[in-house]
């Protein structure tokens, strides 16, 4: 597993420092049922507005029909590598309940997805969150109710050497440095005034 720890101004938790979004996955390795359950339990216990719990996940294991349907909604660029992962998930937001519209439903899915991804790191797995999919196609492929909105797809698996990606530009991208804007641009005491 390739490590690309975050460069930070102070130490952060190892799970956060080690999280990144690989594309090189072992096409023969499996995500165990216990690992998959742990990921979904981590997501289930994410905070949500008023405990509305709007997040739902479609779970596809490589080789099953759910995996194939999720994979079919991905952009071509994501399909090129995501077929190798052990699990494809689709994060969905339930936008209404018996009390009416659920505020911040997408934010609730985002929190659940981040818990899931950090648990993947803890399990020794790689996870890659994707906006590169067709939400309408996913909605149709699973005959989702009108009040359920696809938000994200997530690929989870055992990382492989970047060479599995084939094309040199993809290999270089996989091995490239991670970067973020400096903390001085990210944390502000007023607009344009760094907090640190």
C-alpha atoms as a PDB file:
ATOM      1  CA  UNK A   1       0.000   0.000   0.000  1.00  0.00           C
ATOM      2  CA  UNK A   2       1.429   3.323  -1.059  1.00  0.00           C
ATOM      3  CA  UNK A   3       1.604   5.858   1.733  1.00  0.00           C
ATOM      4  CA  UNK A   4       1.283   9.553   1.018  1.00  0.00           C
ATOM      5  CA  UNK A   5       1.037  11.170   4.450  1.00  0.00           C
ATOM      6  CA  UNK A   6      -0.294  14.706   4.653  1.00  0.00           C
ATOM      7  CA  UNK A   7       2.211  17.468   5.338  1.00  0.00           C
ATOM      8  CA  UNK A   8       0.739  19.459   8.223  1.00  0.00           C
ATOM      9  CA  UNK A   9       1.877  22.385  10.380  1.00  0.00           C
ATOM     10  CA  UNK A  10       1.184  20.311  13.516  1.00  0.00           C
ATOM     11  CA  UNK A  11       0.572  16.595  14.014  1.00  0.00           C
ATOM     12  CA  UNK A  12      -2.906  15.307  13.154  1.00  0.00           C
ATOM     13  CA  UNK A  13      -4.338  11.870  13.851  1.00  0.00           C
ATOM     14  CA  UNK A  14      -2.733   9.108  11.806  1.00  0.00           C
ATOM     15  CA  UNK A  15      -6.050   8.181  10.154  1.00  0.00           C
ATOM     16  CA  UNK A  16      -6.392  11.725   8.816  1.00  0.00           C
ATOM     17  CA  UNK A  17      -2.746  12.025   7.806  1.00  0.00           C
ATOM     18  CA  UNK A  18      -2.825   8.726   5.882  1.00  0.00           C
ATOM     19  CA  UNK A  19      -6.158   9.237   4.091  1.00  0.00           C
ATOM     20  CA  UNK A  20      -5.871   9.909   0.378  1.00  0.00           C
ATOM     21  CA  UNK A  21      -7.785   8.836  -2.729  1.00  0.00           C
ATOM     22  CA  UNK A  22      -5.979   6.052  -4.597  1.00  0.00           C
ATOM     23  CA  UNK A  23      -7.018   4.684  -7.976  1.00  0.00           C
ATOM     24  CA  UNK A  24      -4.713   1.652  -8.086  1.00  0.00           C
ATOM     25  CA  UNK A  25      -6.468  -1.362  -6.562  1.00  0.00           C
ATOM     26  CA  UNK A  26      -5.761  -5.088  -6.516  1.00  0.00           C
ATOM     27  CA  UNK A  27      -8.363  -6.740  -8.793  1.00  0.00           C
ATOM     28  CA  UNK A  28      -8.035 -10.054  -6.943  1.00  0.00           C
ATOM     29  CA  UNK A  29      -8.222  -8.825  -3.340  1.00  0.00           C
ATOM     30  CA  UNK A  30     -11.498  -8.765  -1.453  1.00  0.00           C
ATOM     31  CA  UNK A  31     -12.913  -6.512   1.204  1.00  0.00           C
ATOM     32  CA  UNK A  32     -14.030  -8.902   3.938  1.00  0.00           C
ATOM     33  CA  UNK A  33     -17.602  -8.873   5.209  1.00  0.00           C
ATOM     34  CA  UNK A  34     -16.316  -7.800   8.621  1.00  0.00           C
ATOM     35  CA  UNK A  35     -14.376  -4.891   7.116  1.00  0.00           C
ATOM     36  CA  UNK A  36     -17.384  -3.837   5.053  1.00  0.00           C
ATOM     37  CA  UNK A  37     -19.664  -3.969   8.081  1.00  0.00           C
ATOM     38  CA  UNK A  38     -17.156  -1.879  10.056  1.00  0.00           C
ATOM     39  CA  UNK A  39     -17.145   0.769   7.309  1.00  0.00           C
ATOM     40  CA  UNK A  40     -20.915   0.933   7.267  1.00  0.00           C
ATOM     41  CA  UNK A  41     -21.185   0.972  11.070  1.00  0.00           C
ATOM     42  CA  UNK A  42     -18.742   3.909  11.128  1.00  0.00           C
ATOM     43  CA  UNK A  43     -20.931   5.686   8.580  1.00  0.00           C
ATOM     44  CA  UNK A  44     -24.103   4.848  10.515  1.00  0.00           C
ATOM     45  CA  UNK A  45     -22.766   6.538  13.640  1.00  0.00           C
ATOM     46  CA  UNK A  46     -21.934   9.832  11.935  1.00  0.00           C
ATOM     47  CA  UNK A  47     -23.650  12.937  13.289  1.00  0.00           C
ATOM     48  CA  UNK A  48     -26.683  14.352  11.506  1.00  0.00           C
ATOM     49  CA  UNK A  49     -28.969  17.358  11.909  1.00  0.00           C
ATOM     50  CA  UNK A  50     -31.414  16.625  14.732  1.00  0.00           C
ATOM     51  CA  UNK A  51     -30.436  12.942  14.482  1.00  0.00           C
ATOM     52  CA  UNK A  52     -32.443  12.728  11.243  1.00  0.00           C
ATOM     53  CA  UNK A  53     -29.943  10.171   9.864  1.00  0.00           C
ATOM     54  CA  UNK A  54     -30.514  10.944   6.165  1.00  0.00           C
ATOM     55  CA  UNK A  55     -27.626   8.838   4.819  1.00  0.00           C
ATOM     56  CA  UNK A  56     -28.201   5.533   3.054  1.00  0.00           C
ATOM     57  CA  UNK A  57     -25.680   3.410   1.149  1.00  0.00           C
ATOM     58  CA  UNK A  58     -26.172   1.049  -1.758  1.00  0.00           C
ATOM     59  CA  UNK A  59     -23.562  -1.709  -1.359  1.00  0.00           C
ATOM     60  CA  UNK A  60     -22.060  -3.481  -4.355  1.00  0.00           C
ATOM     61  CA  UNK A  61     -19.449  -6.210  -4.056  1.00  0.00           C
ATOM     62  CA  UNK A  62     -17.242  -6.889  -7.088  1.00  0.00           C
ATOM     63  CA  UNK A  63     -18.986  -9.515  -9.204  1.00  0.00           C
ATOM     64  CA  UNK A  64     -22.551  -8.791  -8.100  1.00  0.00           C
ATOM     65  CA  UNK A  65     -25.320  -6.922  -9.920  1.00  0.00           C
ATOM     66  CA  UNK A  66     -25.336  -3.955  -7.517  1.00  0.00           C
ATOM     67  CA  UNK A  67     -21.628  -3.365  -8.193  1.00  0.00           C
ATOM     68  CA  UNK A  68     -22.243  -3.526 -11.934  1.00  0.00           C
ATOM     69  CA  UNK A  69     -25.162  -1.080 -11.777  1.00  0.00           C
ATOM     70  CA  UNK A  70     -23.193   1.438  -9.706  1.00  0.00           C
ATOM     71  CA  UNK A  71     -20.162   0.990 -11.977  1.00  0.00           C
ATOM     72  CA  UNK A  72     -22.344   1.622 -15.023  1.00  0.00           C
ATOM     73  CA  UNK A  73     -23.248   5.093 -13.713  1.00  0.00           C
ATOM     74  CA  UNK A  74     -19.626   6.208 -13.255  1.00  0.00           C
ATOM     75  CA  UNK A  75     -17.919   8.490 -15.743  1.00  0.00           C
ATOM     76  CA  UNK A  76     -15.723   6.696 -18.250  1.00  0.00           C
ATOM     77  CA  UNK A  77     -12.578   7.948 -16.491  1.00  0.00           C
ATOM     78  CA  UNK A  78     -13.733   6.446 -13.199  1.00  0.00           C
ATOM     79  CA  UNK A  79     -14.898   3.213 -14.842  1.00  0.00           C
ATOM     80  CA  UNK A  80     -11.358   2.777 -16.204  1.00  0.00           C
ATOM     81  CA  UNK A  81      -9.968   2.062 -12.730  1.00  0.00           C
ATOM     82  CA  UNK A  82     -12.958   1.417 -10.422  1.00  0.00           C
ATOM     83  CA  UNK A  83     -13.719  -2.038 -11.860  1.00  0.00           C
ATOM     84  CA  UNK A  84     -10.743  -3.347  -9.822  1.00  0.00           C
ATOM     85  CA  UNK A  85     -12.080  -2.388  -6.384  1.00  0.00           C
ATOM     86  CA  UNK A  86     -13.667  -4.860  -4.002  1.00  0.00           C
ATOM     87  CA  UNK A  87     -16.677  -2.700  -3.180  1.00  0.00           C
ATOM     88  CA  UNK A  88     -18.575   0.149  -4.814  1.00  0.00           C
ATOM     89  CA  UNK A  89     -20.938   2.172  -2.663  1.00  0.00           C
ATOM     90  CA  UNK A  90     -23.429   4.877  -3.528  1.00  0.00           C
ATOM     91  CA  UNK A  91     -24.151   7.413  -0.809  1.00  0.00           C
ATOM     92  CA  UNK A  92     -27.761   8.616  -0.889  1.00  0.00           C
ATOM     93  CA  UNK A  93     -29.582  11.397   0.942  1.00  0.00           C
ATOM     94  CA  UNK A  94     -33.120  10.833   2.151  1.00  0.00           C
ATOM     95  CA  UNK A  95     -34.458  14.377   1.838  1.00  0.00           C
ATOM     96  CA  UNK A  96     -37.877  13.942   3.532  1.00  0.00           C
ATOM     97  CA  UNK A  97     -39.251  12.085   6.514  1.00  0.00           C
ATOM     98  CA  UNK A  98     -42.584  12.051   8.367  1.00  0.00           C
ATOM     99  CA  UNK A  99     -41.886  15.585   9.671  1.00  0.00           C
ATOM    100  CA  UNK A 100     -41.154  17.058   6.222  1.00  0.00           C
ATOM    101  CA  UNK A 101     -37.950  18.154   4.499  1.00  0.00           C
ATOM    102  CA  UNK A 102     -34.735  17.051   6.182  1.00  0.00           C
ATOM    103  CA  UNK A 103     -32.376  20.028   6.552  1.00  0.00           C
ATOM    104  CA  UNK A 104     -28.753  19.463   5.564  1.00  0.00           C
ATOM    105  CA  UNK A 105     -29.411  15.953   4.252  1.00  0.00           C
ATOM    106  CA  UNK A 106     -26.450  16.084   1.856  1.00  0.00           C
ATOM    107  CA  UNK A 107     -24.211  17.290   4.675  1.00  0.00           C
ATOM    108  CA  UNK A 108     -25.319  14.258   6.678  1.00  0.00           C
ATOM    109  CA  UNK A 109     -24.257  11.980   3.810  1.00  0.00           C
ATOM    110  CA  UNK A 110     -20.911  13.794   3.627  1.00  0.00           C
ATOM    111  CA  UNK A 111     -20.286  13.223   7.334  1.00  0.00           C
ATOM    112  CA  UNK A 112     -21.223   9.549   7.005  1.00  0.00           C
ATOM    113  CA  UNK A 113     -18.973   9.166   3.950  1.00  0.00           C
ATOM    114  CA  UNK A 114     -16.015  10.688   5.770  1.00  0.00           C
ATOM    115  CA  UNK A 115     -16.518   8.328   8.729  1.00  0.00           C
ATOM    116  CA  UNK A 116     -16.656   5.434   6.258  1.00  0.00           C
ATOM    117  CA  UNK A 117     -13.457   6.511   4.501  1.00  0.00           C
ATOM    118  CA  UNK A 118     -11.534   6.998   7.754  1.00  0.00           C
ATOM    119  CA  UNK A 119     -12.655   3.546   8.907  1.00  0.00           C
ATOM    120  CA  UNK A 120     -11.350   2.188   5.597  1.00  0.00           C
ATOM    121  CA  UNK A 121      -7.929   3.655   6.433  1.00  0.00           C
ATOM    122  CA  UNK A 122      -8.141   2.030   9.884  1.00  0.00           C
ATOM    123  CA  UNK A 123      -8.916  -1.304   8.166  1.00  0.00           C
ATOM    124  CA  UNK A 124      -5.842  -0.990   5.920  1.00  0.00           C
ATOM    125  CA  UNK A 125      -7.972  -0.329   2.840  1.00  0.00           C
ATOM    126  CA  UNK A 126      -8.004   2.437   0.260  1.00  0.00           C
ATOM    127  CA  UNK A 127     -11.115   4.471  -0.465  1.00  0.00           C
ATOM    128  CA  UNK A 128     -11.826   6.958  -3.235  1.00  0.00           C
ATOM    129  CA  UNK A 129     -14.891   9.207  -3.105  1.00  0.00           C
ATOM    130  CA  UNK A 130     -16.275  10.199  -6.507  1.00  0.00           C
ATOM    131  CA  UNK A 131     -18.536  12.911  -7.815  1.00  0.00           C
ATOM    132  CA  UNK A 132     -17.863  11.546 -11.308  1.00  0.00           C
ATOM    133  CA  UNK A 133     -21.089   9.613 -11.800  1.00  0.00           C
ATOM    134  CA  UNK A 134     -24.514  10.255 -13.289  1.00  0.00           C
ATOM    135  CA  UNK A 135     -26.984  10.800 -10.420  1.00  0.00           C
ATOM    136  CA  UNK A 136     -29.997  10.490 -12.747  1.00  0.00           C
ATOM    137  CA  UNK A 137     -28.725   7.178 -14.120  1.00  0.00           C
ATOM    138  CA  UNK A 138     -28.131   5.903 -10.576  1.00  0.00           C
ATOM    139  CA  UNK A 139     -31.606   7.042  -9.551  1.00  0.00           C
ATOM    140  CA  UNK A 140     -33.077   5.140 -12.490  1.00  0.00           C
ATOM    141  CA  UNK A 141     -30.850   2.043 -12.147  1.00  0.00           C
ATOM    142  CA  UNK A 142     -32.113   1.498  -8.600  1.00  0.00           C
ATOM    143  CA  UNK A 143     -35.658   2.891  -9.002  1.00  0.00           C
ATOM    144  CA  UNK A 144     -35.038   5.245  -6.086  1.00  0.00           C
ATOM    145  CA  UNK A 145     -37.925   7.207  -4.595  1.00  0.00           C
ATOM    146  CA  UNK A 146     -38.202  10.868  -5.598  1.00  0.00           C
ATOM    147  CA  UNK A 147     -37.124  12.038  -2.126  1.00  0.00           C
ATOM    148  CA  UNK A 148     -33.813  10.132  -2.298  1.00  0.00           C
ATOM    149  CA  UNK A 149     -30.896  11.981  -3.875  1.00  0.00           C
ATOM    150  CA  UNK A 150     -27.620  10.307  -4.964  1.00  0.00           C
ATOM    151  CA  UNK A 151     -24.735  12.328  -3.511  1.00  0.00           C
ATOM    152  CA  UNK A 152     -21.486  10.369  -3.894  1.00  0.00           C
ATOM    153  CA  UNK A 153     -20.032   7.067  -5.017  1.00  0.00           C
ATOM    154  CA  UNK A 154     -17.161   5.472  -3.106  1.00  0.00           C
ATOM    155  CA  UNK A 155     -14.700   2.848  -4.289  1.00  0.00           C
ATOM    156  CA  UNK A 156     -13.122   0.685  -1.575  1.00  0.00           C
ATOM    157  CA  UNK A 157     -10.473  -1.959  -1.940  1.00  0.00           C
ATOM    158  CA  UNK A 158      -6.965  -3.165  -1.319  1.00  0.00           C
ATOM    159  CA  UNK A 159      -4.402  -0.873  -2.864  1.00  0.00           C
ATOM    160  CA  UNK A 160      -2.050  -2.136  -5.551  1.00  0.00           C
ATOM    161  CA  UNK A 161       1.076  -0.744  -7.162  1.00  0.00           C
ATOM    162  CA  UNK A 162       0.377   2.218  -9.426  1.00  0.00           C
ATOM    163  CA  UNK A 163       1.564   0.176 -12.436  1.00  0.00           C
ATOM    164  CA  UNK A 164      -1.832  -1.585 -12.483  1.00  0.00           C
ATOM    165  CA  UNK A 165      -3.241   1.651 -13.968  1.00  0.00           C
ATOM    166  CA  UNK A 166      -1.269   1.135 -17.177  1.00  0.00           C
ATOM    167  CA  UNK A 167      -1.090   4.609 -18.731  1.00  0.00           C
ATOM    168  CA  UNK A 168       2.023   6.481 -17.644  1.00  0.00           C
ATOM    169  CA  UNK A 169       0.110   9.694 -16.886  1.00  0.00           C
ATOM    170  CA  UNK A 170      -2.137   7.766 -14.473  1.00  0.00           C
ATOM    171  CA  UNK A 171       0.825   6.060 -12.824  1.00  0.00           C
ATOM    172  CA  UNK A 172       2.551   9.425 -12.348  1.00  0.00           C
ATOM    173  CA  UNK A 173      -0.621  10.960 -10.929  1.00  0.00           C
ATOM    174  CA  UNK A 174      -1.027   8.063  -8.495  1.00  0.00           C
ATOM    175  CA  UNK A 175       2.554   8.460  -7.278  1.00  0.00           C
ATOM    176  CA  UNK A 176       2.472  12.263  -7.240  1.00  0.00           C
ATOM    177  CA  UNK A 177       2.623  14.475  -4.194  1.00  0.00           C
ATOM    178  CA  UNK A 178      -0.508  15.485  -2.334  1.00  0.00           C
ATOM    179  CA  UNK A 179      -1.117  19.171  -1.804  1.00  0.00           C
ATOM    180  CA  UNK A 180      -3.470  21.569  -0.074  1.00  0.00           C
ATOM    181  CA  UNK A 181      -3.674  25.335   0.159  1.00  0.00           C
ATOM    182  CA  UNK A 182      -1.683  26.718   3.105  1.00  0.00           C
ATOM    183  CA  UNK A 183      -3.375  27.002   6.506  1.00  0.00           C
ATOM    184  CA  UNK A 184      -2.987  30.799   6.235  1.00  0.00           C
ATOM    185  CA  UNK A 185      -5.399  30.756   3.271  1.00  0.00           C
ATOM    186  CA  UNK A 186      -7.717  28.185   4.820  1.00  0.00           C
ATOM    187  CA  UNK A 187      -8.235  29.444   8.391  1.00  0.00           C
ATOM    188  CA  UNK A 188      -9.177  33.121   8.596  1.00  0.00           C
ATOM    189  CA  UNK A 189      -9.979  35.537  11.412  1.00  0.00           C
ATOM    190  CA  UNK A 190     -11.587  37.805   8.780  1.00  0.00           C
ATOM    191  CA  UNK A 191     -11.758  37.473   5.017  1.00  0.00           C
ATOM    192  CA  UNK A 192      -8.178  37.786   3.784  1.00  0.00           C
ATOM    193  CA  UNK A 193      -6.712  37.809   7.322  1.00  0.00           C
ATOM    194  CA  UNK A 194      -5.034  34.538   8.362  1.00  0.00           C
ATOM    195  CA  UNK A 195      -5.974  33.145  11.765  1.00  0.00           C
ATOM    196  CA  UNK A 196      -2.513  31.518  12.001  1.00  0.00           C
END
